Amino acid sequence: MVQDRVYGVMGAHCKTVREFTEKELEFLRSVANTIATVLERWRREETQLQLYHRLFELVQDGIMFTDAHGRLLDWNPSMERMTGWTRAEVIGKTPALLKSGKHPPEFYERLWSAIRNGQAFADRFVNRRKDGSEFQVWESISPVKDPDGTIRFYLAILTDLTERERMLEVLRHAEQMKLV
């Protein structure tokens, strides 16, 4: 029992029918409490993982998760809506499938230099959808490290700027009309 909650039943058997000594009972209680504590921790961790999964699925920004070599491990539904590529189509590929050709090689060299050195990289990207159309995003890429500092994954969060850019263009046009 942990915090007045029963997590299971434990049985103890011996070769002959007899009463357990107080020392044996104390040992069994200690084992049962240890197991209950571990189970409670697992339950809390599972609840936390479920929450993270729901957030990953529901967040409006696109999220990409890659291994240390840049191969896509996961891609949330917002990325599917933003790009037209389904999760199943991109797993195992690299984010290079989004390249529009609008950025010079030096842009990607700066990106990789920063994240390989353990630093975050954020900038405006012009990306390409599955249908070939372009879209603008603000993208933040961060290395995910082990406690010893080893980079294991990269996490990218993309905010679609398409609607914002469209509104800015309307405002620019309106300003030009005022000047005429």
N, C-alpha and C. Protein backbone atom coordinates (compact mmCIF):
# COMPACT_ATOMS: atom_id res chain seq x y z
N MET A 1 0.83 -1.16 0.00
CA MET A 1 0.00 0.00 0.00
C MET A 1 0.89 1.24 0.00
N VAL A 2 0.56 2.20 -0.88
CA VAL A 2 1.24 3.48 -0.91
C VAL A 2 0.16 4.54 -0.85
N GLN A 3 0.28 5.46 0.09
CA GLN A 3 -0.70 6.53 0.28
C GLN A 3 -2.12 5.97 0.31
N ASP A 4 -2.32 4.94 1.14
CA ASP A 4 -3.62 4.30 1.35
C ASP A 4 -4.22 3.71 0.08
N ARG A 5 -3.39 3.35 -0.86
CA ARG A 5 -3.88 2.76 -2.11
C ARG A 5 -3.27 1.38 -2.28
N VAL A 6 -4.10 0.36 -2.54
CA VAL A 6 -3.63 -1.01 -2.74
C VAL A 6 -3.25 -1.17 -4.20
N TYR A 7 -2.05 -1.69 -4.43
CA TYR A 7 -1.56 -1.90 -5.78
C TYR A 7 -1.54 -3.36 -6.20
N GLY A 8 -1.74 -4.26 -5.28
CA GLY A 8 -1.73 -5.67 -5.62
C GLY A 8 -1.65 -6.52 -4.38
N VAL A 9 -1.54 -7.80 -4.62
CA VAL A 9 -1.46 -8.75 -3.52
C VAL A 9 -0.19 -9.57 -3.73
N MET A 10 0.51 -9.81 -2.64
CA MET A 10 1.73 -10.60 -2.71
C MET A 10 1.55 -11.82 -1.82
N GLY A 11 1.92 -12.94 -2.32
CA GLY A 11 1.83 -14.17 -1.52
C GLY A 11 3.20 -14.69 -1.16
N ALA A 12 3.31 -15.31 0.00
CA ALA A 12 4.56 -15.92 0.43
C ALA A 12 4.25 -17.33 0.89
N HIS A 13 5.03 -18.29 0.45
CA HIS A 13 4.80 -19.70 0.77
C HIS A 13 6.05 -20.31 1.39
N CYS A 14 5.84 -21.31 2.23
CA CYS A 14 6.97 -22.05 2.79
C CYS A 14 6.63 -23.54 2.74
N LYS A 15 7.63 -24.37 2.96
CA LYS A 15 7.45 -25.82 2.82
C LYS A 15 6.49 -26.41 3.84
N THR A 16 6.44 -25.83 5.00
CA THR A 16 5.55 -26.35 6.04
C THR A 16 4.59 -25.26 6.49
N VAL A 17 3.45 -25.66 7.01
CA VAL A 17 2.49 -24.70 7.53
C VAL A 17 3.00 -24.19 8.87
N ARG A 18 3.17 -22.87 8.94
CA ARG A 18 3.65 -22.27 10.18
C ARG A 18 3.37 -20.77 10.13
N GLU A 19 3.50 -20.14 11.26
CA GLU A 19 3.35 -18.69 11.35
C GLU A 19 4.69 -18.05 10.95
N PHE A 20 4.61 -16.92 10.23
CA PHE A 20 5.83 -16.18 9.92
C PHE A 20 6.27 -15.43 11.17
N THR A 21 7.57 -15.32 11.33
CA THR A 21 8.09 -14.55 12.47
C THR A 21 7.89 -13.06 12.20
N GLU A 22 7.99 -12.27 13.23
CA GLU A 22 7.84 -10.81 13.07
C GLU A 22 8.91 -10.26 12.12
N LYS A 23 10.12 -10.79 12.20
CA LYS A 23 11.20 -10.36 11.32
C LYS A 23 10.87 -10.69 9.87
N GLU A 24 10.32 -11.89 9.59
CA GLU A 24 9.93 -12.28 8.24
C GLU A 24 8.79 -11.40 7.73
N LEU A 25 7.82 -11.11 8.58
CA LEU A 25 6.70 -10.25 8.21
C LEU A 25 7.19 -8.84 7.88
N GLU A 26 8.10 -8.34 8.68
CA GLU A 26 8.65 -7.01 8.42
C GLU A 26 9.38 -6.99 7.09
N PHE A 27 10.13 -8.04 6.78
CA PHE A 27 10.82 -8.15 5.50
C PHE A 27 9.81 -8.15 4.36
N LEU A 28 8.75 -8.95 4.48
CA LEU A 28 7.73 -9.03 3.43
C LEU A 28 7.02 -7.68 3.24
N ARG A 29 6.73 -6.98 4.34
CA ARG A 29 6.12 -5.65 4.23
C ARG A 29 7.05 -4.68 3.50
N SER A 30 8.34 -4.78 3.82
CA SER A 30 9.33 -3.91 3.19
C SER A 30 9.39 -4.18 1.67
N VAL A 31 9.40 -5.45 1.29
CA VAL A 31 9.41 -5.81 -0.14
C VAL A 31 8.14 -5.31 -0.81
N ALA A 32 6.99 -5.52 -0.17
CA ALA A 32 5.71 -5.08 -0.74
C ALA A 32 5.68 -3.57 -0.91
N ASN A 33 6.17 -2.83 0.08
CA ASN A 33 6.19 -1.36 -0.02
C ASN A 33 7.13 -0.89 -1.12
N THR A 34 8.26 -1.56 -1.27
CA THR A 34 9.20 -1.20 -2.34
C THR A 34 8.56 -1.42 -3.70
N ILE A 35 7.91 -2.55 -3.88
CA ILE A 35 7.24 -2.85 -5.15
C ILE A 35 6.13 -1.83 -5.41
N ALA A 36 5.35 -1.50 -4.39
CA ALA A 36 4.26 -0.52 -4.54
C ALA A 36 4.82 0.85 -4.92
N THR A 37 5.94 1.23 -4.33
CA THR A 37 6.55 2.52 -4.65
C THR A 37 7.00 2.55 -6.11
N VAL A 38 7.62 1.47 -6.57
CA VAL A 38 8.05 1.39 -7.96
C VAL A 38 6.84 1.45 -8.89
N LEU A 39 5.79 0.72 -8.58
CA LEU A 39 4.58 0.74 -9.41
C LEU A 39 3.96 2.14 -9.46
N GLU A 40 3.95 2.85 -8.34
CA GLU A 40 3.41 4.20 -8.30
C GLU A 40 4.24 5.14 -9.17
N ARG A 41 5.55 5.00 -9.12
CA ARG A 41 6.42 5.82 -9.99
C ARG A 41 6.14 5.53 -11.45
N TRP A 42 6.01 4.25 -11.80
CA TRP A 42 5.70 3.89 -13.19
C TRP A 42 4.37 4.50 -13.62
N ARG A 43 3.38 4.46 -12.71
CA ARG A 43 2.06 5.01 -13.04
C ARG A 43 2.17 6.51 -13.29
N ARG A 44 2.92 7.23 -12.45
CA ARG A 44 3.09 8.67 -12.64
C ARG A 44 3.83 8.97 -13.94
N GLU A 45 4.88 8.19 -14.23
CA GLU A 45 5.63 8.40 -15.47
C GLU A 45 4.75 8.13 -16.68
N GLU A 46 3.94 7.09 -16.61
CA GLU A 46 3.02 6.77 -17.71
C GLU A 46 2.01 7.90 -17.91
N THR A 47 1.50 8.45 -16.83
CA THR A 47 0.56 9.57 -16.91
C THR A 47 1.24 10.77 -17.56
N GLN A 48 2.48 11.03 -17.17
CA GLN A 48 3.23 12.15 -17.75
C GLN A 48 3.48 11.91 -19.24
N LEU A 49 3.85 10.69 -19.61
CA LEU A 49 4.06 10.39 -21.03
C LEU A 49 2.78 10.56 -21.84
N GLN A 50 1.66 10.15 -21.27
CA GLN A 50 0.38 10.33 -21.95
C GLN A 50 0.08 11.81 -22.16
N LEU A 51 0.38 12.64 -21.16
CA LEU A 51 0.18 14.08 -21.28
C LEU A 51 1.07 14.64 -22.38
N TYR A 52 2.35 14.27 -22.40
CA TYR A 52 3.26 14.75 -23.44
C TYR A 52 2.78 14.33 -24.82
N HIS A 53 2.28 13.11 -24.94
CA HIS A 53 1.78 12.63 -26.23
C HIS A 53 0.57 13.47 -26.67
N ARG A 54 -0.35 13.75 -25.75
CA ARG A 54 -1.52 14.57 -26.09
C ARG A 54 -1.09 15.97 -26.53
N LEU A 55 -0.12 16.56 -25.81
CA LEU A 55 0.37 17.87 -26.20
C LEU A 55 1.00 17.84 -27.58
N PHE A 56 1.81 16.82 -27.85
CA PHE A 56 2.45 16.64 -29.15
C PHE A 56 1.41 16.56 -30.26
N GLU A 57 0.32 15.85 -29.98
CA GLU A 57 -0.74 15.67 -30.98
C GLU A 57 -1.58 16.94 -31.18
N LEU A 58 -1.77 17.74 -30.13
CA LEU A 58 -2.72 18.85 -30.17
C LEU A 58 -2.11 20.22 -30.44
N VAL A 59 -0.82 20.39 -30.19
CA VAL A 59 -0.19 21.70 -30.35
C VAL A 59 -0.37 22.19 -31.80
N GLN A 60 -0.56 23.49 -31.94
CA GLN A 60 -0.79 24.07 -33.27
C GLN A 60 0.49 24.20 -34.09
N ASP A 61 1.64 24.32 -33.44
CA ASP A 61 2.90 24.40 -34.16
C ASP A 61 3.33 23.01 -34.61
N GLY A 62 4.08 22.97 -35.70
CA GLY A 62 4.61 21.71 -36.17
C GLY A 62 5.80 21.29 -35.32
N ILE A 63 5.90 19.99 -35.07
CA ILE A 63 7.03 19.47 -34.30
C ILE A 63 7.64 18.30 -35.06
N MET A 64 8.96 18.37 -35.24
CA MET A 64 9.73 17.27 -35.83
C MET A 64 10.73 16.79 -34.79
N PHE A 65 10.94 15.50 -34.76
CA PHE A 65 11.88 14.88 -33.83
C PHE A 65 12.77 13.97 -34.65
N THR A 66 14.10 14.22 -34.62
CA THR A 66 15.02 13.41 -35.40
C THR A 66 16.05 12.74 -34.50
N ASP A 67 16.72 11.73 -35.04
CA ASP A 67 17.85 11.15 -34.31
C ASP A 67 19.06 12.07 -34.50
N ALA A 68 20.18 11.68 -33.95
CA ALA A 68 21.38 12.52 -34.02
C ALA A 68 21.93 12.66 -35.44
N HIS A 69 21.49 11.80 -36.36
CA HIS A 69 21.93 11.87 -37.76
C HIS A 69 20.94 12.65 -38.62
N GLY A 70 19.87 13.15 -38.01
CA GLY A 70 18.89 13.95 -38.74
C GLY A 70 17.77 13.15 -39.40
N ARG A 71 17.66 11.86 -39.10
CA ARG A 71 16.57 11.05 -39.66
C ARG A 71 15.31 11.24 -38.81
N LEU A 72 14.20 11.50 -39.46
CA LEU A 72 12.95 11.77 -38.75
C LEU A 72 12.45 10.55 -37.98
N LEU A 73 12.17 10.77 -36.70
CA LEU A 73 11.62 9.74 -35.83
C LEU A 73 10.14 9.96 -35.58
N ASP A 74 9.74 11.25 -35.58
CA ASP A 74 8.33 11.56 -35.36
C ASP A 74 8.01 12.91 -35.94
N TRP A 75 6.70 13.13 -36.15
CA TRP A 75 6.22 14.29 -36.89
C TRP A 75 4.78 14.44 -36.45
N ASN A 76 4.41 15.57 -35.90
CA ASN A 76 3.06 15.68 -35.34
C ASN A 76 2.01 16.04 -36.39
N PRO A 77 0.71 15.92 -36.05
CA PRO A 77 -0.36 16.21 -37.01
C PRO A 77 -0.29 17.63 -37.58
N SER A 78 0.20 18.60 -36.81
CA SER A 78 0.33 19.96 -37.35
C SER A 78 1.33 19.99 -38.50
N MET A 79 2.37 19.18 -38.43
CA MET A 79 3.32 19.09 -39.54
C MET A 79 2.63 18.50 -40.77
N GLU A 80 1.77 17.52 -40.55
CA GLU A 80 1.03 16.94 -41.68
C GLU A 80 0.17 18.01 -42.35
N ARG A 81 -0.55 18.80 -41.54
CA ARG A 81 -1.40 19.86 -42.10
C ARG A 81 -0.57 20.93 -42.79
N MET A 82 0.57 21.27 -42.21
CA MET A 82 1.41 22.33 -42.73
C MET A 82 2.09 21.95 -44.04
N THR A 83 2.48 20.67 -44.16
CA THR A 83 3.33 20.26 -45.29
C THR A 83 2.64 19.37 -46.32
N GLY A 84 1.57 18.69 -45.91
CA GLY A 84 0.93 17.73 -46.82
C GLY A 84 1.55 16.35 -46.76
N TRP A 85 2.67 16.21 -46.06
CA TRP A 85 3.34 14.91 -45.91
C TRP A 85 2.78 14.23 -44.66
N THR A 86 2.42 12.96 -44.77
CA THR A 86 1.96 12.24 -43.59
C THR A 86 3.15 11.74 -42.80
N ARG A 87 2.89 11.44 -41.55
CA ARG A 87 3.92 10.90 -40.68
C ARG A 87 4.55 9.65 -41.30
N ALA A 88 3.71 8.76 -41.80
CA ALA A 88 4.20 7.50 -42.38
C ALA A 88 5.13 7.75 -43.57
N GLU A 89 4.88 8.81 -44.32
CA GLU A 89 5.71 9.11 -45.49
C GLU A 89 7.09 9.65 -45.13
N VAL A 90 7.21 10.28 -43.96
CA VAL A 90 8.47 10.97 -43.65
C VAL A 90 9.37 10.24 -42.66
N ILE A 91 8.82 9.31 -41.88
CA ILE A 91 9.65 8.62 -40.89
C ILE A 91 10.83 7.94 -41.59
N GLY A 92 12.02 8.17 -41.06
CA GLY A 92 13.23 7.59 -41.64
C GLY A 92 13.90 8.49 -42.67
N LYS A 93 13.18 9.50 -43.16
CA LYS A 93 13.77 10.45 -44.11
C LYS A 93 14.35 11.62 -43.30
N THR A 94 14.90 12.60 -44.00
CA THR A 94 15.44 13.78 -43.32
C THR A 94 14.56 14.98 -43.62
N PRO A 95 14.64 16.01 -42.78
CA PRO A 95 13.87 17.23 -43.05
C PRO A 95 14.24 17.91 -44.36
N ALA A 96 15.30 17.46 -45.02
CA ALA A 96 15.69 18.03 -46.31
C ALA A 96 14.56 17.92 -47.33
N LEU A 97 13.61 17.02 -47.10
CA LEU A 97 12.48 16.91 -48.04
C LEU A 97 11.66 18.20 -48.07
N LEU A 98 11.87 19.08 -47.09
CA LEU A 98 11.16 20.36 -47.04
C LEU A 98 11.94 21.49 -47.72
N LYS A 99 13.18 21.22 -48.14
CA LYS A 99 14.01 22.27 -48.72
C LYS A 99 13.34 22.87 -49.96
N SER A 100 13.34 24.21 -49.98
CA SER A 100 12.74 24.92 -51.11
C SER A 100 13.78 25.35 -52.13
N GLY A 101 15.04 25.34 -51.75
CA GLY A 101 16.09 25.85 -52.62
C GLY A 101 16.30 27.34 -52.45
N LYS A 102 15.59 27.96 -51.53
CA LYS A 102 15.68 29.41 -51.33
C LYS A 102 16.82 29.82 -50.41
N HIS A 103 17.42 28.86 -49.70
CA HIS A 103 18.49 29.18 -48.76
C HIS A 103 19.83 28.69 -49.33
N PRO A 104 20.87 29.52 -49.19
CA PRO A 104 22.18 29.11 -49.68
C PRO A 104 22.77 28.02 -48.78
N PRO A 105 23.76 27.28 -49.27
CA PRO A 105 24.39 26.23 -48.46
C PRO A 105 24.92 26.76 -47.12
N GLU A 106 25.38 28.02 -47.10
CA GLU A 106 25.91 28.60 -45.87
C GLU A 106 24.86 28.66 -44.76
N PHE A 107 23.60 28.82 -45.13
CA PHE A 107 22.50 28.85 -44.16
C PHE A 107 22.45 27.51 -43.41
N TYR A 108 22.50 26.41 -44.16
CA TYR A 108 22.45 25.08 -43.56
C TYR A 108 23.74 24.74 -42.82
N GLU A 109 24.87 25.27 -43.30
CA GLU A 109 26.13 25.07 -42.58
C GLU A 109 26.07 25.72 -41.20
N ARG A 110 25.51 26.96 -41.11
CA ARG A 110 25.35 27.63 -39.82
C ARG A 110 24.42 26.83 -38.91
N LEU A 111 23.33 26.33 -39.48
CA LEU A 111 22.36 25.53 -38.72
C LEU A 111 23.05 24.31 -38.10
N TRP A 112 23.71 23.51 -38.95
CA TRP A 112 24.34 22.28 -38.46
C TRP A 112 25.50 22.56 -37.51
N SER A 113 26.23 23.61 -37.77
CA SER A 113 27.33 23.97 -36.86
C SER A 113 26.78 24.28 -35.47
N ALA A 114 25.71 25.04 -35.42
CA ALA A 114 25.12 25.41 -34.12
C ALA A 114 24.60 24.18 -33.38
N ILE A 115 23.76 23.40 -34.03
CA ILE A 115 23.12 22.29 -33.30
C ILE A 115 24.10 21.16 -32.98
N ARG A 116 25.07 20.93 -33.83
CA ARG A 116 26.08 19.90 -33.52
C ARG A 116 26.97 20.31 -32.35
N ASN A 117 27.06 21.63 -32.12
CA ASN A 117 27.84 22.14 -30.99
C ASN A 117 26.97 22.34 -29.76
N GLY A 118 25.76 21.79 -29.80
CA GLY A 118 24.89 21.82 -28.63
C GLY A 118 24.09 23.08 -28.45
N GLN A 119 24.06 23.95 -29.46
CA GLN A 119 23.32 25.20 -29.36
C GLN A 119 22.03 25.13 -30.16
N ALA A 120 21.05 25.89 -29.73
CA ALA A 120 19.80 25.98 -30.48
C ALA A 120 20.02 26.88 -31.70
N PHE A 121 19.20 26.66 -32.73
CA PHE A 121 19.24 27.48 -33.93
C PHE A 121 17.81 27.89 -34.24
N ALA A 122 17.60 29.18 -34.49
CA ALA A 122 16.26 29.67 -34.84
C ALA A 122 16.40 30.67 -35.97
N ASP A 123 15.49 30.54 -36.95
CA ASP A 123 15.52 31.46 -38.09
C ASP A 123 14.24 31.27 -38.89
N ARG A 124 14.05 32.16 -39.84
CA ARG A 124 12.94 32.06 -40.77
C ARG A 124 13.36 31.12 -41.91
N PHE A 125 12.48 30.19 -42.23
CA PHE A 125 12.74 29.25 -43.32
C PHE A 125 11.66 29.40 -44.38
N VAL A 126 12.06 29.24 -45.63
CA VAL A 126 11.10 29.06 -46.71
C VAL A 126 11.16 27.58 -47.03
N ASN A 127 10.07 26.88 -46.75
CA ASN A 127 10.02 25.43 -46.97
C ASN A 127 9.11 25.09 -48.15
N ARG A 128 9.13 23.83 -48.52
CA ARG A 128 8.33 23.35 -49.65
C ARG A 128 7.39 22.25 -49.17
N ARG A 129 6.12 22.37 -49.55
CA ARG A 129 5.12 21.35 -49.23
C ARG A 129 5.23 20.18 -50.21
N LYS A 130 4.52 19.14 -49.89
CA LYS A 130 4.49 17.95 -50.76
C LYS A 130 4.02 18.31 -52.17
N ASP A 131 3.07 19.24 -52.27
CA ASP A 131 2.54 19.64 -53.58
C ASP A 131 3.45 20.61 -54.33
N GLY A 132 4.60 20.96 -53.72
CA GLY A 132 5.57 21.84 -54.36
C GLY A 132 5.41 23.31 -54.00
N SER A 133 4.30 23.68 -53.37
CA SER A 133 4.11 25.08 -52.99
C SER A 133 5.02 25.41 -51.81
N GLU A 134 5.33 26.70 -51.69
CA GLU A 134 6.23 27.14 -50.63
C GLU A 134 5.44 27.74 -49.47
N PHE A 135 6.04 27.67 -48.30
CA PHE A 135 5.45 28.30 -47.12
C PHE A 135 6.58 28.75 -46.21
N GLN A 136 6.30 29.82 -45.44
CA GLN A 136 7.31 30.35 -44.55
C GLN A 136 7.01 29.93 -43.11
N VAL A 137 8.09 29.62 -42.39
CA VAL A 137 7.95 29.25 -40.98
C VAL A 137 9.05 29.93 -40.18
N TRP A 138 8.79 30.10 -38.90
CA TRP A 138 9.83 30.41 -37.94
C TRP A 138 10.17 29.07 -37.31
N GLU A 139 11.41 28.65 -37.44
CA GLU A 139 11.79 27.31 -36.98
C GLU A 139 12.87 27.42 -35.91
N SER A 140 12.64 26.70 -34.82
CA SER A 140 13.60 26.63 -33.74
C SER A 140 14.02 25.17 -33.59
N ILE A 141 15.32 24.92 -33.70
CA ILE A 141 15.86 23.57 -33.63
C ILE A 141 16.78 23.48 -32.43
N SER A 142 16.54 22.49 -31.58
CA SER A 142 17.34 22.33 -30.37
C SER A 142 17.88 20.92 -30.26
N PRO A 143 19.14 20.78 -29.84
CA PRO A 143 19.67 19.45 -29.57
C PRO A 143 19.08 18.93 -28.25
N VAL A 144 18.81 17.63 -28.20
CA VAL A 144 18.34 16.98 -26.99
C VAL A 144 19.48 16.08 -26.52
N LYS A 145 19.97 16.38 -25.30
CA LYS A 145 21.19 15.71 -24.83
C LYS A 145 20.89 14.75 -23.69
N ASP A 146 21.74 13.74 -23.60
CA ASP A 146 21.75 12.85 -22.44
C ASP A 146 22.34 13.62 -21.26
N PRO A 147 22.18 13.09 -20.04
CA PRO A 147 22.79 13.77 -18.88
C PRO A 147 24.30 13.99 -19.02
N ASP A 148 24.97 13.14 -19.79
CA ASP A 148 26.42 13.30 -19.96
C ASP A 148 26.78 14.31 -21.05
N GLY A 149 25.76 14.93 -21.67
CA GLY A 149 26.00 15.95 -22.69
C GLY A 149 26.00 15.44 -24.11
N THR A 150 25.88 14.13 -24.31
CA THR A 150 25.85 13.55 -25.65
C THR A 150 24.54 13.91 -26.34
N ILE A 151 24.65 14.45 -27.56
CA ILE A 151 23.45 14.78 -28.33
C ILE A 151 22.86 13.48 -28.87
N ARG A 152 21.60 13.22 -28.53
CA ARG A 152 20.91 12.01 -28.97
C ARG A 152 19.84 12.28 -30.01
N PHE A 153 19.23 13.46 -29.93
CA PHE A 153 18.11 13.80 -30.81
C PHE A 153 18.15 15.28 -31.11
N TYR A 154 17.34 15.67 -32.11
CA TYR A 154 17.08 17.08 -32.38
C TYR A 154 15.57 17.27 -32.40
N LEU A 155 15.15 18.39 -31.83
CA LEU A 155 13.73 18.74 -31.78
C LEU A 155 13.55 20.06 -32.51
N ALA A 156 12.65 20.08 -33.48
CA ALA A 156 12.36 21.31 -34.22
C ALA A 156 10.90 21.68 -34.03
N ILE A 157 10.67 22.96 -33.76
CA ILE A 157 9.31 23.49 -33.64
C ILE A 157 9.15 24.53 -34.73
N LEU A 158 8.11 24.36 -35.55
CA LEU A 158 7.88 25.23 -36.69
C LEU A 158 6.56 25.99 -36.51
N THR A 159 6.63 27.30 -36.61
CA THR A 159 5.44 28.14 -36.56
C THR A 159 5.17 28.63 -37.97
N ASP A 160 4.02 28.28 -38.52
CA ASP A 160 3.65 28.66 -39.88
C ASP A 160 3.40 30.17 -39.93
N LEU A 161 4.11 30.85 -40.82
CA LEU A 161 3.98 32.30 -40.97
C LEU A 161 3.14 32.69 -42.17
N THR A 162 2.54 31.72 -42.85
CA THR A 162 1.82 31.98 -44.09
C THR A 162 0.73 33.04 -43.91
N GLU A 163 -0.14 32.86 -42.93
CA GLU A 163 -1.24 33.80 -42.71
C GLU A 163 -0.71 35.17 -42.29
N ARG A 164 0.31 35.19 -41.46
CA ARG A 164 0.92 36.45 -41.03
C ARG A 164 1.49 37.20 -42.22
N GLU A 165 2.20 36.50 -43.10
CA GLU A 165 2.78 37.13 -44.28
C GLU A 165 1.70 37.64 -45.23
N ARG A 166 0.61 36.89 -45.34
CA ARG A 166 -0.50 37.31 -46.19
C ARG A 166 -1.11 38.61 -45.66
N MET A 167 -1.29 38.69 -44.34
CA MET A 167 -1.85 39.89 -43.72
C MET A 167 -0.90 41.08 -43.88
N LEU A 168 0.39 40.86 -43.75
CA LEU A 168 1.36 41.94 -43.96
C LEU A 168 1.31 42.46 -45.39
N GLU A 169 1.14 41.57 -46.34
CA GLU A 169 1.05 41.96 -47.74
C GLU A 169 -0.21 42.81 -47.98
N VAL A 170 -1.31 42.43 -47.35
CA VAL A 170 -2.54 43.22 -47.46
C VAL A 170 -2.32 44.61 -46.88
N LEU A 171 -1.66 44.69 -45.73
CA LEU A 171 -1.36 45.99 -45.12
C LEU A 171 -0.45 46.83 -46.00
N ARG A 172 0.57 46.21 -46.58
CA ARG A 172 1.48 46.93 -47.49
C ARG A 172 0.70 47.49 -48.69
N HIS A 173 -0.16 46.66 -49.22
CA HIS A 173 -0.97 47.08 -50.37
C HIS A 173 -1.88 48.25 -49.97
N ALA A 174 -2.50 48.16 -48.80
CA ALA A 174 -3.38 49.23 -48.32
C ALA A 174 -2.59 50.53 -48.14
N GLU A 175 -1.37 50.43 -47.59
CA GLU A 175 -0.51 51.62 -47.42
C GLU A 175 -0.17 52.24 -48.76
N GLN A 176 0.12 51.40 -49.74
CA GLN A 176 0.45 51.90 -51.08
C GLN A 176 -0.76 52.60 -51.69
N MET A 177 -1.93 52.06 -51.45
CA MET A 177 -3.15 52.67 -51.97
C MET A 177 -3.39 54.04 -51.35
N LYS A 178 -3.05 54.20 -50.06
CA LYS A 178 -3.20 55.49 -49.38
C LYS A 178 -2.27 56.53 -49.98
N LEU A 179 -1.08 56.10 -50.41
CA LEU A 179 -0.10 57.01 -50.97
C LEU A 179 -0.50 57.50 -52.35
N VAL A 180 -1.33 56.76 -53.04
CA VAL A 180 -1.72 57.13 -54.41
C VAL A 180 -2.79 58.16 -54.42
